[in-house]
Amino acid sequence: MSYRDFRLVDVVKQFHLQVNESIGLFEQTEPVTPSAHLLETLRFNLPLASTLGTEKARSELLIAPVLVEIKRVHRPDVSFFSGIELTVDPAVGLAGVCDFLLSLSPEQMYLRAPVITLVEAKSESLREGMGQCVAEMIAADRFNEAEGNVIPVVHGAVTTGTAWKFLRKRGAVIEIDLNEYALAQPERILGILLSMLPKTT
């Protein structure tokens, strides 16, 4: 069993979680103006990603540029990983490859705690990625704790590239924003992603 095998109902039951759903969990987050480079990249890539229609194409052409923008322009102190293995406890299914994650450390040669945000790519349904994303958030919590970098909140996102949904984990509580955020407003997505990254001291 791995992250991809979890449905939301399964992960909630197995790990004794409480789910709070709310509209506009991140609604008050300040938008962040995207760079001209990101806007041009998305303008060119969007038709191509839509035509190809695969999860891999959406990951490479739409999601990765948004996350790279975080590191390139706004937070060079974080590390960005794509397709990295995060195996924490295979016995309970906390094993497998994460599509994307951001860690609050500058190292790029290896993953170092604390892992702050995990982003799961899906070709169509945001709902089908929820269980997987929550399982990865639990694994990130355990990874951080094992590395002596306990943080109070781990964030997650599930995205098709054009639609984004955001989650937050505090202890055993999973908060899910019922709003979906469209890539047509990249300033909203960038603002939320940046709000998930606490400043380093």
C-alpha atoms as a PDB file:
ATOM      1  CA  MET A   1       0.000   0.000   0.000  1.00  0.00           C
ATOM      2  CA  SER A   2       1.179   3.538  -0.755  1.00  0.00           C
ATOM      3  CA  TYR A   3      -0.109   7.125  -0.709  1.00  0.00           C
ATOM      4  CA  ARG A   4      -1.919   6.622  -4.010  1.00  0.00           C
ATOM      5  CA  ASP A   5      -4.056   3.854  -2.526  1.00  0.00           C
ATOM      6  CA  PHE A   6      -5.732   6.086   0.065  1.00  0.00           C
ATOM      7  CA  ARG A   7      -9.198   7.494  -0.353  1.00  0.00           C
ATOM      8  CA  LEU A   8     -10.109  10.338   1.997  1.00  0.00           C
ATOM      9  CA  VAL A   9     -12.532   8.211   3.995  1.00  0.00           C
ATOM     10  CA  ASP A  10      -9.837   5.536   4.436  1.00  0.00           C
ATOM     11  CA  VAL A  11      -7.076   7.848   5.649  1.00  0.00           C
ATOM     12  CA  VAL A  12      -9.428   9.634   8.062  1.00  0.00           C
ATOM     13  CA  LYS A  13     -10.556   6.347   9.580  1.00  0.00           C
ATOM     14  CA  GLN A  14      -7.111   4.713   9.728  1.00  0.00           C
ATOM     15  CA  PHE A  15      -5.348   7.664  11.345  1.00  0.00           C
ATOM     16  CA  HIS A  16      -8.268   8.840  13.516  1.00  0.00           C
ATOM     17  CA  LEU A  17      -8.530  12.289  11.972  1.00  0.00           C
ATOM     18  CA  GLN A  18     -11.179  14.958  12.249  1.00  0.00           C
ATOM     19  CA  VAL A  19     -12.138  16.756   9.027  1.00  0.00           C
ATOM     20  CA  ASN A  20     -13.366  20.343   9.035  1.00  0.00           C
ATOM     21  CA  GLU A  21     -14.695  21.653   5.739  1.00  0.00           C
ATOM     22  CA  SER A  22     -15.104  25.381   5.283  1.00  0.00           C
ATOM     23  CA  ILE A  23     -15.629  27.872   2.500  1.00  0.00           C
ATOM     24  CA  GLY A  24     -12.878  30.442   2.049  1.00  0.00           C
ATOM     25  CA  LEU A  25     -10.302  29.047   4.466  1.00  0.00           C
ATOM     26  CA  PHE A  26      -7.637  31.017   2.591  1.00  0.00           C
ATOM     27  CA  GLU A  27      -9.913  33.774   1.311  1.00  0.00           C
ATOM     28  CA  GLN A  28      -8.230  36.527   3.340  1.00  0.00           C
ATOM     29  CA  THR A  29      -4.777  35.693   1.993  1.00  0.00           C
ATOM     30  CA  GLU A  30      -3.145  38.609   0.189  1.00  0.00           C
ATOM     31  CA  PRO A  31      -2.643  37.965  -3.544  1.00  0.00           C
ATOM     32  CA  VAL A  32       0.914  38.057  -4.887  1.00  0.00           C
ATOM     33  CA  THR A  33       1.666  39.497  -8.310  1.00  0.00           C
ATOM     34  CA  PRO A  34       3.186  36.866 -10.597  1.00  0.00           C
ATOM     35  CA  SER A  35       6.280  37.674 -12.620  1.00  0.00           C
ATOM     36  CA  ALA A  36       6.011  38.444 -16.316  1.00  0.00           C
ATOM     37  CA  HIS A  37       8.019  35.269 -16.900  1.00  0.00           C
ATOM     38  CA  LEU A  38       5.420  33.098 -15.131  1.00  0.00           C
ATOM     39  CA  LEU A  39       2.509  34.750 -16.930  1.00  0.00           C
ATOM     40  CA  GLU A  40       4.130  34.218 -20.321  1.00  0.00           C
ATOM     41  CA  THR A  41       5.052  30.624 -19.445  1.00  0.00           C
ATOM     42  CA  LEU A  42       1.488  29.795 -18.409  1.00  0.00           C
ATOM     43  CA  ARG A  43       0.016  31.598 -21.423  1.00  0.00           C
ATOM     44  CA  PHE A  44       2.122  29.455 -23.752  1.00  0.00           C
ATOM     45  CA  ASN A  45       1.861  26.189 -21.794  1.00  0.00           C
ATOM     46  CA  LEU A  46      -1.869  26.135 -21.027  1.00  0.00           C
ATOM     47  CA  PRO A  47      -3.140  25.198 -24.513  1.00  0.00           C
ATOM     48  CA  LEU A  48      -0.392  22.595 -24.828  1.00  0.00           C
ATOM     49  CA  ALA A  49      -1.173  21.013 -21.457  1.00  0.00           C
ATOM     50  CA  SER A  50      -4.887  21.001 -22.238  1.00  0.00           C
ATOM     51  CA  THR A  51      -4.334  19.349 -25.605  1.00  0.00           C
ATOM     52  CA  LEU A  52      -2.019  16.666 -24.222  1.00  0.00           C
ATOM     53  CA  GLY A  53      -4.408  16.107 -21.303  1.00  0.00           C
ATOM     54  CA  THR A  54      -2.136  13.883 -19.224  1.00  0.00           C
ATOM     55  CA  GLU A  55      -1.242  14.243 -15.565  1.00  0.00           C
ATOM     56  CA  LYS A  56       2.449  14.373 -16.472  1.00  0.00           C
ATOM     57  CA  ALA A  57       1.928  17.187 -18.987  1.00  0.00           C
ATOM     58  CA  ARG A  58      -0.114  19.231 -16.519  1.00  0.00           C
ATOM     59  CA  SER A  59       2.511  18.653 -13.827  1.00  0.00           C
ATOM     60  CA  GLU A  60       5.403  19.779 -16.005  1.00  0.00           C
ATOM     61  CA  LEU A  61       3.723  22.586 -17.929  1.00  0.00           C
ATOM     62  CA  LEU A  62       1.364  24.177 -15.380  1.00  0.00           C
ATOM     63  CA  ILE A  63       2.137  23.131 -11.806  1.00  0.00           C
ATOM     64  CA  ALA A  64       5.933  23.090 -11.792  1.00  0.00           C
ATOM     65  CA  PRO A  65       6.257  26.652 -13.180  1.00  0.00           C
ATOM     66  CA  VAL A  66       4.041  28.011 -10.381  1.00  0.00           C
ATOM     67  CA  LEU A  67       6.075  26.239  -7.684  1.00  0.00           C
ATOM     68  CA  VAL A  68       9.412  27.182  -9.257  1.00  0.00           C
ATOM     69  CA  GLU A  69       8.240  30.803  -9.195  1.00  0.00           C
ATOM     70  CA  ILE A  70       7.981  30.512  -5.400  1.00  0.00           C
ATOM     71  CA  LYS A  71      11.669  29.618  -5.127  1.00  0.00           C
ATOM     72  CA  ARG A  72      12.985  31.721  -8.021  1.00  0.00           C
ATOM     73  CA  VAL A  73      11.303  35.006  -7.161  1.00  0.00           C
ATOM     74  CA  HIS A  74       9.896  34.968  -3.640  1.00  0.00           C
ATOM     75  CA  ARG A  75      11.498  32.383  -1.346  1.00  0.00           C
ATOM     76  CA  PRO A  76      14.979  31.258  -2.468  1.00  0.00           C
ATOM     77  CA  ASP A  77      15.476  29.910   1.077  1.00  0.00           C
ATOM     78  CA  VAL A  78      13.050  27.011   0.498  1.00  0.00           C
ATOM     79  CA  SER A  79      13.777  23.820  -1.397  1.00  0.00           C
ATOM     80  CA  PHE A  80      11.570  22.528  -4.191  1.00  0.00           C
ATOM     81  CA  PHE A  81      11.300  18.828  -5.042  1.00  0.00           C
ATOM     82  CA  SER A  82       9.496  17.029  -7.838  1.00  0.00           C
ATOM     83  CA  GLY A  83       8.827  13.294  -7.884  1.00  0.00           C
ATOM     84  CA  ILE A  84      10.686  12.609  -4.649  1.00  0.00           C
ATOM     85  CA  GLU A  85      10.218   9.529  -2.500  1.00  0.00           C
ATOM     86  CA  LEU A  86       8.945  10.122   1.021  1.00  0.00           C
ATOM     87  CA  THR A  87       8.803   6.763   2.753  1.00  0.00           C
ATOM     88  CA  VAL A  88       8.083   7.114   6.461  1.00  0.00           C
ATOM     89  CA  ASP A  89       6.166   4.013   7.585  1.00  0.00           C
ATOM     90  CA  PRO A  90       5.464   1.454   4.835  1.00  0.00           C
ATOM     91  CA  ALA A  91       3.619  -0.809   7.281  1.00  0.00           C
ATOM     92  CA  VAL A  92       0.730   1.672   7.417  1.00  0.00           C
ATOM     93  CA  GLY A  93       0.930   2.851   3.813  1.00  0.00           C
ATOM     94  CA  LEU A  94       2.962   6.004   4.394  1.00  0.00           C
ATOM     95  CA  ALA A  95       5.275   5.308   1.485  1.00  0.00           C
ATOM     96  CA  GLY A  96       5.667   6.341  -2.110  1.00  0.00           C
ATOM     97  CA  VAL A  97       6.539   9.253  -4.341  1.00  0.00           C
ATOM     98  CA  CYS A  98       5.218  12.777  -3.826  1.00  0.00           C
ATOM     99  CA  ASP A  99       4.516  14.799  -6.946  1.00  0.00           C
ATOM    100  CA  PHE A 100       5.847  18.035  -5.454  1.00  0.00           C
ATOM    101  CA  LEU A 101       6.883  19.319  -2.070  1.00  0.00           C
ATOM    102  CA  LEU A 102       8.402  22.398  -0.516  1.00  0.00           C
ATOM    103  CA  SER A 103      10.739  22.237   2.461  1.00  0.00           C
ATOM    104  CA  LEU A 104      11.827  25.050   4.731  1.00  0.00           C
ATOM    105  CA  SER A 105      15.525  24.535   4.049  1.00  0.00           C
ATOM    106  CA  PRO A 106      17.824  25.627   1.200  1.00  0.00           C
ATOM    107  CA  GLU A 107      19.316  22.181   0.422  1.00  0.00           C
ATOM    108  CA  GLN A 108      18.416  20.774  -2.990  1.00  0.00           C
ATOM    109  CA  MET A 109      20.644  17.684  -3.036  1.00  0.00           C
ATOM    110  CA  TYR A 110      18.523  15.862  -0.458  1.00  0.00           C
ATOM    111  CA  LEU A 111      15.268  16.272   1.446  1.00  0.00           C
ATOM    112  CA  ARG A 112      15.603  17.914   4.829  1.00  0.00           C
ATOM    113  CA  ALA A 113      12.923  18.717   7.398  1.00  0.00           C
ATOM    114  CA  PRO A 114      10.739  20.541   7.884  1.00  0.00           C
ATOM    115  CA  VAL A 115       8.510  19.645   4.965  1.00  0.00           C
ATOM    116  CA  ILE A 116       5.913  22.412   4.799  1.00  0.00           C
ATOM    117  CA  THR A 117       3.720  21.921   1.736  1.00  0.00           C
ATOM    118  CA  LEU A 118       2.844  18.958  -0.482  1.00  0.00           C
ATOM    119  CA  VAL A 119       1.182  19.349  -3.875  1.00  0.00           C
ATOM    120  CA  GLU A 120      -0.557  16.442  -5.567  1.00  0.00           C
ATOM    121  CA  ALA A 121      -1.232  16.535  -9.302  1.00  0.00           C
ATOM    122  CA  LYS A 122      -4.330  14.931 -10.785  1.00  0.00           C
ATOM    123  CA  SER A 123      -5.370  14.801 -14.423  1.00  0.00           C
ATOM    124  CA  GLU A 124      -9.052  15.481 -13.775  1.00  0.00           C
ATOM    125  CA  SER A 125     -10.661  14.983 -10.358  1.00  0.00           C
ATOM    126  CA  LEU A 126      -9.524  17.012  -7.355  1.00  0.00           C
ATOM    127  CA  ARG A 127     -11.591  14.780  -5.091  1.00  0.00           C
ATOM    128  CA  GLU A 128      -9.653  11.639  -6.033  1.00  0.00           C
ATOM    129  CA  GLY A 129      -6.415  13.214  -4.839  1.00  0.00           C
ATOM    130  CA  MET A 130      -7.625  14.227  -1.381  1.00  0.00           C
ATOM    131  CA  GLY A 131      -6.864  10.964   0.418  1.00  0.00           C
ATOM    132  CA  GLN A 132      -3.424  10.751  -1.129  1.00  0.00           C
ATOM    133  CA  CYS A 133      -2.590  14.327  -0.188  1.00  0.00           C
ATOM    134  CA  VAL A 134      -3.733  13.872   3.422  1.00  0.00           C
ATOM    135  CA  ALA A 135      -1.685  10.676   3.732  1.00  0.00           C
ATOM    136  CA  GLU A 136       1.370  12.592   2.506  1.00  0.00           C
ATOM    137  CA  MET A 137       0.682  15.374   5.010  1.00  0.00           C
ATOM    138  CA  ILE A 138       0.633  12.791   7.828  1.00  0.00           C
ATOM    139  CA  ALA A 139       3.922  11.385   6.530  1.00  0.00           C
ATOM    140  CA  ALA A 140       5.424  14.884   6.417  1.00  0.00           C
ATOM    141  CA  ASP A 141       4.405  15.426  10.046  1.00  0.00           C
ATOM    142  CA  ARG A 142       6.094  12.188  11.074  1.00  0.00           C
ATOM    143  CA  PHE A 143       9.177  12.931   8.962  1.00  0.00           C
ATOM    144  CA  ASN A 144       9.516  16.367  10.536  1.00  0.00           C
ATOM    145  CA  GLU A 145       9.131  14.932  14.036  1.00  0.00           C
ATOM    146  CA  ALA A 146      11.711  12.203  13.408  1.00  0.00           C
ATOM    147  CA  GLU A 147      14.168  14.854  12.203  1.00  0.00           C
ATOM    148  CA  GLY A 148      13.562  17.034  15.273  1.00  0.00           C
ATOM    149  CA  ASN A 149      11.764  19.758  13.311  1.00  0.00           C
ATOM    150  CA  VAL A 150       8.226  19.662  14.652  1.00  0.00           C
ATOM    151  CA  ILE A 151       6.026  22.348  13.115  1.00  0.00           C
ATOM    152  CA  PRO A 152       2.416  23.046  14.077  1.00  0.00           C
ATOM    153  CA  VAL A 153       0.919  23.109  10.579  1.00  0.00           C
ATOM    154  CA  VAL A 154       1.525  21.149   7.381  1.00  0.00           C
ATOM    155  CA  HIS A 155      -0.239  22.277   4.219  1.00  0.00           C
ATOM    156  CA  GLY A 156      -1.318  20.423   1.141  1.00  0.00           C
ATOM    157  CA  ALA A 157      -2.821  21.099  -2.250  1.00  0.00           C
ATOM    158  CA  VAL A 158      -4.509  19.002  -4.883  1.00  0.00           C
ATOM    159  CA  THR A 159      -4.499  20.419  -8.376  1.00  0.00           C
ATOM    160  CA  THR A 160      -5.310  19.608 -11.972  1.00  0.00           C
ATOM    161  CA  GLY A 161      -3.023  22.445 -12.978  1.00  0.00           C
ATOM    162  CA  THR A 162      -5.975  24.673 -13.864  1.00  0.00           C
ATOM    163  CA  ALA A 163      -7.902  24.184 -10.589  1.00  0.00           C
ATOM    164  CA  TRP A 164      -6.356  24.153  -7.104  1.00  0.00           C
ATOM    165  CA  LYS A 165      -7.779  23.073  -3.742  1.00  0.00           C
ATOM    166  CA  PHE A 166      -5.910  23.678  -0.475  1.00  0.00           C
ATOM    167  CA  LEU A 167      -5.773  21.780   2.838  1.00  0.00           C
ATOM    168  CA  ARG A 168      -4.246  22.356   6.250  1.00  0.00           C
ATOM    169  CA  LYS A 169      -3.293  19.835   8.960  1.00  0.00           C
ATOM    170  CA  ARG A 170      -3.100  20.836  12.623  1.00  0.00           C
ATOM    171  CA  GLY A 171      -2.506  17.817  14.819  1.00  0.00           C
ATOM    172  CA  ALA A 172      -5.304  15.346  14.101  1.00  0.00           C
ATOM    173  CA  VAL A 173      -7.487  17.968  12.391  1.00  0.00           C
ATOM    174  CA  ILE A 174      -7.608  18.283   8.609  1.00  0.00           C
ATOM    175  CA  GLU A 175      -9.083  21.535   7.338  1.00  0.00           C
ATOM    176  CA  ILE A 176     -10.278  21.545   3.747  1.00  0.00           C
ATOM    177  CA  ASP A 177     -11.071  24.726   1.863  1.00  0.00           C
ATOM    178  CA  LEU A 178     -14.176  24.019  -0.214  1.00  0.00           C
ATOM    179  CA  ASN A 179     -13.239  26.826  -2.602  1.00  0.00           C
ATOM    180  CA  GLU A 180     -11.403  25.972  -5.788  1.00  0.00           C
ATOM    181  CA  TYR A 181      -8.857  28.460  -7.083  1.00  0.00           C
ATOM    182  CA  ALA A 182      -8.384  28.844 -10.826  1.00  0.00           C
ATOM    183  CA  LEU A 183      -5.049  29.151 -12.597  1.00  0.00           C
ATOM    184  CA  ALA A 184      -6.605  32.102 -14.420  1.00  0.00           C
ATOM    185  CA  GLN A 185      -5.903  34.001 -11.180  1.00  0.00           C
ATOM    186  CA  PRO A 186      -2.303  32.982 -10.465  1.00  0.00           C
ATOM    187  CA  GLU A 187      -1.935  35.823  -7.969  1.00  0.00           C
ATOM    188  CA  ARG A 188      -4.419  34.073  -5.662  1.00  0.00           C
ATOM    189  CA  ILE A 189      -2.615  30.719  -5.909  1.00  0.00           C
ATOM    190  CA  LEU A 190       0.804  32.299  -5.361  1.00  0.00           C
ATOM    191  CA  GLY A 191      -0.523  34.242  -2.379  1.00  0.00           C
ATOM    192  CA  ILE A 192      -1.901  31.109  -0.719  1.00  0.00           C
ATOM    193  CA  LEU A 193       1.225  29.052  -1.394  1.00  0.00           C
ATOM    194  CA  LEU A 194       3.465  31.780   0.024  1.00  0.00           C
ATOM    195  CA  SER A 195       1.243  32.148   3.089  1.00  0.00           C
ATOM    196  CA  MET A 196       1.957  28.483   3.841  1.00  0.00           C
ATOM    197  CA  LEU A 197       5.690  29.128   4.169  1.00  0.00           C
ATOM    198  CA  PRO A 198       6.666  30.687   7.512  1.00  0.00           C
ATOM    199  CA  LYS A 199       9.593  33.068   7.431  1.00  0.00           C
ATOM    200  CA  THR A 200      12.922  31.675   8.520  1.00  0.00           C
ATOM    201  CA  THR A 201      14.722  33.497  11.302  1.00  0.00           C
END
